[in-house]
Amino acid sequence: MAFQPYLFFSGNCREAFTRYQEIFGGELFMMKMSDAPGHETPPGANPDLIIHAALTVDGGLLMASDDPTGDGGPKTGIMVSFNSPDAGEIKRVFDALAEDGEVTQPLLETFFSPAFGMCVDRFGTPWMFSADQAAPA
């Protein structure tokens, strides 16, 4: 069994997932509303909205679409957690996602991680970062 986050964006899913692929690498799939097989774009709907995006990186999967309600409200009650055994990689990803966003917990060493922090990226997605604790010698 696996759990995968599915995010909703307010018309900027393509921009967000293009940026996430720049940061994380991996394989990116995106489907526009107008590309859906057997589907006609409803009148007044933007045919370029993303109806499904999937970024696959090292066996992990992050998925999203543009919010079909058009609500655009903030994402609450969730964080996408990124973990790595490499504290340097945590810093690189944290800095990239915090750029033009908001740092809610500066990256610091804690009792459970040599590098832990949180931010909300410029797309409104909340992130939590944690480098794996070194194994005892």
N, C-alpha and C. Protein backbone atom coordinates (compact mmCIF):
# COMPACT_ATOMS: atom_id res chain seq x y z
N MET A 1 0.85 -1.17 0.00
CA MET A 1 0.00 0.00 0.00
C MET A 1 0.90 1.24 0.00
N ALA A 2 0.46 2.26 -0.71
CA ALA A 2 1.19 3.51 -0.74
C ALA A 2 0.20 4.67 -0.73
N PHE A 3 0.58 5.77 -0.12
CA PHE A 3 -0.22 6.99 -0.13
C PHE A 3 0.54 8.00 -0.97
N GLN A 4 -0.17 8.71 -1.84
CA GLN A 4 0.44 9.74 -2.65
C GLN A 4 -0.36 11.02 -2.56
N PRO A 5 0.31 12.15 -2.31
CA PRO A 5 -0.41 13.43 -2.27
C PRO A 5 -0.96 13.78 -3.65
N TYR A 6 -2.15 14.37 -3.65
CA TYR A 6 -2.76 14.89 -4.87
C TYR A 6 -3.12 16.34 -4.57
N LEU A 7 -2.46 17.26 -5.27
CA LEU A 7 -2.62 18.69 -5.01
C LEU A 7 -3.55 19.33 -6.03
N PHE A 8 -4.22 20.40 -5.63
CA PHE A 8 -5.04 21.19 -6.54
C PHE A 8 -4.44 22.58 -6.66
N PHE A 9 -4.40 23.08 -7.88
CA PHE A 9 -3.87 24.41 -8.16
C PHE A 9 -4.96 25.26 -8.81
N SER A 10 -4.75 26.56 -8.80
CA SER A 10 -5.74 27.51 -9.33
C SER A 10 -5.31 28.02 -10.70
N GLY A 11 -5.13 27.09 -11.64
CA GLY A 11 -4.76 27.48 -12.99
C GLY A 11 -3.27 27.52 -13.25
N ASN A 12 -2.45 27.23 -12.23
CA ASN A 12 -1.00 27.27 -12.43
C ASN A 12 -0.34 25.91 -12.17
N CYS A 13 -1.09 24.84 -12.36
CA CYS A 13 -0.55 23.49 -12.15
C CYS A 13 0.64 23.23 -13.08
N ARG A 14 0.52 23.62 -14.35
CA ARG A 14 1.62 23.42 -15.31
C ARG A 14 2.91 24.10 -14.82
N GLU A 15 2.79 25.35 -14.40
CA GLU A 15 3.94 26.10 -13.92
C GLU A 15 4.54 25.44 -12.67
N ALA A 16 3.68 25.05 -11.73
CA ALA A 16 4.16 24.43 -10.49
C ALA A 16 4.88 23.12 -10.78
N PHE A 17 4.28 22.25 -11.58
CA PHE A 17 4.88 20.94 -11.82
C PHE A 17 6.11 21.01 -12.72
N THR A 18 6.17 22.00 -13.59
CA THR A 18 7.39 22.21 -14.37
C THR A 18 8.52 22.61 -13.42
N ARG A 19 8.21 23.46 -12.46
CA ARG A 19 9.21 23.87 -11.46
C ARG A 19 9.61 22.69 -10.58
N TYR A 20 8.65 21.89 -10.14
CA TYR A 20 8.96 20.74 -9.30
C TYR A 20 9.87 19.76 -10.05
N GLN A 21 9.64 19.58 -11.35
CA GLN A 21 10.52 18.70 -12.11
C GLN A 21 11.92 19.29 -12.21
N GLU A 22 12.04 20.61 -12.35
CA GLU A 22 13.36 21.25 -12.36
C GLU A 22 14.11 20.97 -11.06
N ILE A 23 13.39 21.00 -9.95
CA ILE A 23 14.00 20.82 -8.63
C ILE A 23 14.32 19.35 -8.35
N PHE A 24 13.34 18.47 -8.57
CA PHE A 24 13.47 17.07 -8.19
C PHE A 24 13.96 16.15 -9.31
N GLY A 25 13.83 16.59 -10.57
CA GLY A 25 14.11 15.70 -11.69
C GLY A 25 12.91 14.79 -11.88
N GLY A 26 13.15 13.61 -12.42
CA GLY A 26 12.08 12.63 -12.57
C GLY A 26 11.32 12.77 -13.88
N GLU A 27 10.29 11.96 -13.99
CA GLU A 27 9.47 11.91 -15.19
C GLU A 27 8.15 12.63 -14.94
N LEU A 28 7.83 13.58 -15.82
CA LEU A 28 6.62 14.39 -15.66
C LEU A 28 5.62 14.07 -16.77
N PHE A 29 4.38 13.83 -16.36
CA PHE A 29 3.26 13.64 -17.28
C PHE A 29 2.22 14.70 -16.97
N MET A 30 1.72 15.37 -18.00
CA MET A 30 0.63 16.33 -17.81
C MET A 30 -0.39 16.17 -18.93
N MET A 31 -1.66 16.23 -18.57
CA MET A 31 -2.74 16.16 -19.55
C MET A 31 -3.63 17.39 -19.39
N LYS A 32 -3.82 18.10 -20.50
CA LYS A 32 -4.72 19.26 -20.52
C LYS A 32 -6.16 18.79 -20.68
N MET A 33 -7.08 19.64 -20.30
CA MET A 33 -8.50 19.33 -20.46
C MET A 33 -8.80 18.99 -21.92
N SER A 34 -8.22 19.74 -22.84
CA SER A 34 -8.50 19.52 -24.26
C SER A 34 -7.90 18.22 -24.79
N ASP A 35 -6.98 17.60 -24.04
CA ASP A 35 -6.35 16.35 -24.47
C ASP A 35 -7.09 15.11 -24.00
N ALA A 36 -8.08 15.26 -23.14
CA ALA A 36 -8.79 14.10 -22.60
C ALA A 36 -9.52 13.38 -23.73
N PRO A 37 -9.30 12.07 -23.85
CA PRO A 37 -9.97 11.33 -24.93
C PRO A 37 -11.48 11.32 -24.76
N GLY A 38 -12.17 11.57 -25.86
CA GLY A 38 -13.63 11.53 -25.84
C GLY A 38 -14.27 12.61 -25.01
N HIS A 39 -13.52 13.68 -24.73
CA HIS A 39 -14.03 14.73 -23.85
C HIS A 39 -14.10 16.04 -24.61
N GLU A 40 -15.21 16.69 -24.49
CA GLU A 40 -15.36 18.01 -25.10
C GLU A 40 -15.26 19.05 -23.99
N THR A 41 -14.43 20.07 -24.20
CA THR A 41 -14.26 21.11 -23.20
C THR A 41 -15.58 21.87 -23.04
N PRO A 42 -16.09 21.97 -21.80
CA PRO A 42 -17.34 22.69 -21.58
C PRO A 42 -17.22 24.16 -22.00
N PRO A 43 -18.31 24.76 -22.46
CA PRO A 43 -18.28 26.17 -22.84
C PRO A 43 -17.79 27.03 -21.67
N GLY A 44 -16.90 27.96 -21.98
CA GLY A 44 -16.37 28.85 -20.97
C GLY A 44 -15.21 28.29 -20.17
N ALA A 45 -14.93 26.98 -20.30
CA ALA A 45 -13.82 26.36 -19.57
C ALA A 45 -12.52 26.57 -20.34
N ASN A 46 -11.44 26.67 -19.63
CA ASN A 46 -10.12 26.84 -20.23
C ASN A 46 -9.60 25.47 -20.68
N PRO A 47 -9.45 25.25 -21.99
CA PRO A 47 -9.00 23.94 -22.48
C PRO A 47 -7.56 23.61 -22.09
N ASP A 48 -6.80 24.63 -21.64
CA ASP A 48 -5.41 24.41 -21.27
C ASP A 48 -5.21 24.06 -19.80
N LEU A 49 -6.30 24.05 -19.01
CA LEU A 49 -6.16 23.64 -17.61
C LEU A 49 -5.68 22.20 -17.54
N ILE A 50 -4.85 21.92 -16.57
CA ILE A 50 -4.31 20.56 -16.38
C ILE A 50 -5.33 19.74 -15.61
N ILE A 51 -5.75 18.62 -16.22
CA ILE A 51 -6.70 17.75 -15.52
C ILE A 51 -5.98 16.62 -14.80
N HIS A 52 -4.71 16.39 -15.13
CA HIS A 52 -3.92 15.43 -14.37
C HIS A 52 -2.44 15.66 -14.64
N ALA A 53 -1.67 15.76 -13.56
CA ALA A 53 -0.20 15.84 -13.62
C ALA A 53 0.35 14.80 -12.68
N ALA A 54 1.44 14.17 -13.09
CA ALA A 54 2.10 13.17 -12.25
C ALA A 54 3.60 13.32 -12.41
N LEU A 55 4.29 13.49 -11.29
CA LEU A 55 5.74 13.55 -11.27
C LEU A 55 6.25 12.33 -10.51
N THR A 56 6.98 11.47 -11.22
CA THR A 56 7.52 10.25 -10.63
C THR A 56 9.02 10.43 -10.45
N VAL A 57 9.48 10.29 -9.20
CA VAL A 57 10.89 10.45 -8.87
C VAL A 57 11.31 9.35 -7.91
N ASP A 58 12.27 8.53 -8.32
CA ASP A 58 12.82 7.48 -7.45
C ASP A 58 11.74 6.67 -6.74
N GLY A 59 10.71 6.27 -7.45
CA GLY A 59 9.65 5.46 -6.86
C GLY A 59 8.59 6.27 -6.14
N GLY A 60 8.81 7.57 -5.95
CA GLY A 60 7.81 8.43 -5.33
C GLY A 60 6.90 9.04 -6.41
N LEU A 61 5.70 9.40 -6.00
CA LEU A 61 4.73 9.95 -6.95
C LEU A 61 4.02 11.14 -6.32
N LEU A 62 4.06 12.27 -7.01
CA LEU A 62 3.31 13.47 -6.61
C LEU A 62 2.36 13.78 -7.76
N MET A 63 1.08 13.95 -7.45
CA MET A 63 0.07 14.18 -8.49
C MET A 63 -0.70 15.46 -8.20
N ALA A 64 -1.34 15.98 -9.27
CA ALA A 64 -2.09 17.23 -9.11
C ALA A 64 -2.97 17.48 -10.31
N SER A 65 -3.78 18.52 -10.19
CA SER A 65 -4.54 19.07 -11.31
C SER A 65 -4.89 20.51 -10.96
N ASP A 66 -5.40 21.22 -11.96
CA ASP A 66 -5.97 22.52 -11.65
C ASP A 66 -7.31 22.25 -10.99
N ASP A 67 -7.63 23.01 -9.96
CA ASP A 67 -8.85 22.82 -9.17
C ASP A 67 -10.07 23.05 -10.05
N PRO A 68 -10.87 22.02 -10.26
CA PRO A 68 -12.02 22.18 -11.14
C PRO A 68 -13.08 23.12 -10.59
N THR A 69 -13.05 23.41 -9.29
CA THR A 69 -14.04 24.34 -8.73
C THR A 69 -13.64 25.78 -8.97
N GLY A 70 -12.33 25.99 -9.24
CA GLY A 70 -11.84 27.35 -9.42
C GLY A 70 -11.81 28.13 -8.13
N ASP A 71 -11.94 27.43 -7.00
CA ASP A 71 -11.99 28.05 -5.68
C ASP A 71 -10.75 28.89 -5.40
N GLY A 72 -9.57 28.33 -5.64
CA GLY A 72 -8.34 29.07 -5.43
C GLY A 72 -7.98 29.32 -3.99
N GLY A 73 -8.71 28.74 -3.06
CA GLY A 73 -8.43 28.96 -1.65
C GLY A 73 -7.13 28.29 -1.21
N PRO A 74 -6.64 28.66 -0.04
CA PRO A 74 -5.38 28.09 0.45
C PRO A 74 -5.51 26.60 0.76
N LYS A 75 -4.40 25.91 0.66
CA LYS A 75 -4.36 24.49 1.02
C LYS A 75 -4.13 24.42 2.53
N THR A 76 -5.00 23.74 3.24
CA THR A 76 -4.86 23.68 4.69
C THR A 76 -4.91 22.24 5.16
N GLY A 77 -4.29 22.00 6.30
CA GLY A 77 -4.35 20.69 6.92
C GLY A 77 -3.44 19.66 6.30
N ILE A 78 -2.56 20.06 5.39
CA ILE A 78 -1.64 19.10 4.76
C ILE A 78 -0.26 19.75 4.58
N MET A 79 0.74 18.91 4.44
CA MET A 79 2.07 19.31 4.00
C MET A 79 2.62 18.18 3.17
N VAL A 80 3.34 18.51 2.13
CA VAL A 80 4.05 17.49 1.37
C VAL A 80 5.40 17.33 2.06
N SER A 81 5.72 16.13 2.48
CA SER A 81 6.96 15.87 3.21
C SER A 81 8.02 15.35 2.26
N PHE A 82 9.19 15.98 2.29
CA PHE A 82 10.33 15.54 1.48
C PHE A 82 11.44 15.13 2.44
N ASN A 83 11.87 13.87 2.33
CA ASN A 83 12.94 13.34 3.17
C ASN A 83 14.09 12.89 2.28
N SER A 84 15.29 12.99 2.82
CA SER A 84 16.48 12.54 2.10
C SER A 84 17.55 12.17 3.12
N PRO A 85 18.41 11.21 2.79
CA PRO A 85 19.52 10.91 3.69
C PRO A 85 20.61 11.98 3.64
N ASP A 86 20.52 12.89 2.69
CA ASP A 86 21.56 13.89 2.45
C ASP A 86 21.09 15.28 2.89
N ALA A 87 21.67 15.83 3.95
CA ALA A 87 21.28 17.15 4.45
C ALA A 87 21.55 18.23 3.41
N GLY A 88 22.58 18.06 2.59
CA GLY A 88 22.86 19.02 1.52
C GLY A 88 21.74 19.05 0.49
N GLU A 89 21.19 17.89 0.18
CA GLU A 89 20.06 17.82 -0.76
C GLU A 89 18.82 18.46 -0.14
N ILE A 90 18.62 18.25 1.14
CA ILE A 90 17.49 18.90 1.83
C ILE A 90 17.63 20.42 1.70
N LYS A 91 18.82 20.96 1.95
CA LYS A 91 19.03 22.41 1.85
C LYS A 91 18.78 22.91 0.43
N ARG A 92 19.27 22.18 -0.57
CA ARG A 92 19.09 22.59 -1.97
C ARG A 92 17.60 22.67 -2.32
N VAL A 93 16.85 21.62 -1.96
CA VAL A 93 15.43 21.58 -2.29
C VAL A 93 14.65 22.61 -1.47
N PHE A 94 14.97 22.73 -0.18
CA PHE A 94 14.33 23.73 0.68
C PHE A 94 14.51 25.13 0.09
N ASP A 95 15.76 25.49 -0.24
CA ASP A 95 16.04 26.82 -0.79
C ASP A 95 15.29 27.05 -2.09
N ALA A 96 15.23 26.03 -2.96
CA ALA A 96 14.55 26.17 -4.25
C ALA A 96 13.05 26.37 -4.06
N LEU A 97 12.44 25.61 -3.17
CA LEU A 97 10.99 25.73 -2.96
C LEU A 97 10.62 26.97 -2.14
N ALA A 98 11.51 27.42 -1.28
CA ALA A 98 11.23 28.61 -0.47
C ALA A 98 11.38 29.90 -1.28
N GLU A 99 12.10 29.82 -2.41
CA GLU A 99 12.31 31.00 -3.25
C GLU A 99 10.96 31.57 -3.69
N ASP A 100 10.74 32.84 -3.41
CA ASP A 100 9.49 33.54 -3.71
C ASP A 100 8.29 32.97 -2.95
N GLY A 101 8.55 32.14 -1.94
CA GLY A 101 7.50 31.60 -1.09
C GLY A 101 7.64 32.16 0.31
N GLU A 102 7.23 31.37 1.30
CA GLU A 102 7.31 31.81 2.70
C GLU A 102 7.92 30.70 3.55
N VAL A 103 9.00 31.02 4.24
CA VAL A 103 9.61 30.07 5.17
C VAL A 103 8.80 30.12 6.46
N THR A 104 8.25 28.98 6.86
CA THR A 104 7.47 28.93 8.09
C THR A 104 8.26 28.32 9.24
N GLN A 105 9.31 27.59 8.93
CA GLN A 105 10.26 27.04 9.91
C GLN A 105 11.62 27.00 9.23
N PRO A 106 12.54 27.91 9.62
CA PRO A 106 13.86 27.89 8.99
C PRO A 106 14.52 26.51 9.13
N LEU A 107 15.33 26.18 8.16
CA LEU A 107 16.05 24.92 8.18
C LEU A 107 17.04 24.94 9.34
N LEU A 108 16.95 23.91 10.21
CA LEU A 108 17.84 23.85 11.36
C LEU A 108 18.06 22.40 11.80
N GLU A 109 19.05 22.21 12.64
CA GLU A 109 19.31 20.88 13.20
C GLU A 109 18.42 20.68 14.42
N THR A 110 17.82 19.49 14.51
CA THR A 110 16.96 19.16 15.64
C THR A 110 17.44 17.84 16.25
N PHE A 111 16.78 17.41 17.31
CA PHE A 111 17.14 16.14 17.93
C PHE A 111 16.82 14.95 17.02
N PHE A 112 15.92 15.13 16.04
CA PHE A 112 15.52 14.03 15.18
C PHE A 112 16.04 14.15 13.74
N SER A 113 16.66 15.27 13.42
CA SER A 113 17.14 15.47 12.04
C SER A 113 18.27 16.49 12.00
N PRO A 114 19.29 16.23 11.19
CA PRO A 114 20.34 17.24 11.02
C PRO A 114 19.89 18.43 10.17
N ALA A 115 18.75 18.31 9.49
CA ALA A 115 18.22 19.42 8.69
C ALA A 115 16.71 19.27 8.60
N PHE A 116 15.99 20.13 9.32
CA PHE A 116 14.53 20.10 9.34
C PHE A 116 14.02 21.52 9.09
N GLY A 117 12.99 21.67 8.26
CA GLY A 117 12.40 22.98 8.01
C GLY A 117 11.07 22.85 7.30
N MET A 118 10.38 23.99 7.16
CA MET A 118 9.09 24.02 6.49
C MET A 118 8.95 25.32 5.71
N CYS A 119 8.21 25.26 4.60
CA CYS A 119 7.92 26.46 3.84
C CYS A 119 6.63 26.26 3.05
N VAL A 120 6.10 27.36 2.56
CA VAL A 120 5.00 27.34 1.60
C VAL A 120 5.59 27.91 0.31
N ASP A 121 5.55 27.12 -0.75
CA ASP A 121 6.18 27.59 -1.99
C ASP A 121 5.33 28.66 -2.66
N ARG A 122 5.83 29.23 -3.73
CA ARG A 122 5.16 30.35 -4.40
C ARG A 122 3.83 29.94 -5.04
N PHE A 123 3.56 28.64 -5.11
CA PHE A 123 2.30 28.14 -5.66
C PHE A 123 1.28 27.85 -4.57
N GLY A 124 1.67 28.07 -3.30
CA GLY A 124 0.76 27.85 -2.17
C GLY A 124 0.82 26.46 -1.57
N THR A 125 1.78 25.63 -2.03
CA THR A 125 1.90 24.28 -1.49
C THR A 125 2.78 24.29 -0.25
N PRO A 126 2.28 23.77 0.89
CA PRO A 126 3.08 23.68 2.11
C PRO A 126 3.99 22.44 2.06
N TRP A 127 5.27 22.62 2.42
CA TRP A 127 6.27 21.57 2.38
C TRP A 127 6.93 21.42 3.75
N MET A 128 7.33 20.18 4.08
CA MET A 128 8.10 19.89 5.28
C MET A 128 9.31 19.07 4.83
N PHE A 129 10.47 19.39 5.35
CA PHE A 129 11.73 18.78 4.93
C PHE A 129 12.43 18.16 6.14
N SER A 130 13.01 16.98 5.93
CA SER A 130 13.75 16.34 7.01
C SER A 130 14.84 15.44 6.44
N ALA A 131 16.07 15.72 6.86
CA ALA A 131 17.17 14.83 6.50
C ALA A 131 17.17 13.68 7.51
N ASP A 132 17.47 12.49 6.99
CA ASP A 132 17.50 11.32 7.87
C ASP A 132 18.62 11.46 8.90
N GLN A 133 18.33 11.04 10.11
CA GLN A 133 19.32 11.03 11.20
C GLN A 133 20.37 9.99 10.87
N ALA A 134 21.63 10.32 11.08
CA ALA A 134 22.71 9.36 10.85
C ALA A 134 22.55 8.18 11.80
N ALA A 135 22.83 7.00 11.29
CA ALA A 135 22.77 5.79 12.12
C ALA A 135 23.86 5.84 13.19
N PRO A 136 23.55 5.39 14.39
CA PRO A 136 24.56 5.40 15.46
C PRO A 136 25.76 4.54 15.06
N ALA A 137 26.94 4.99 15.44
CA ALA A 137 28.17 4.27 15.09
C ALA A 137 28.33 3.02 15.93
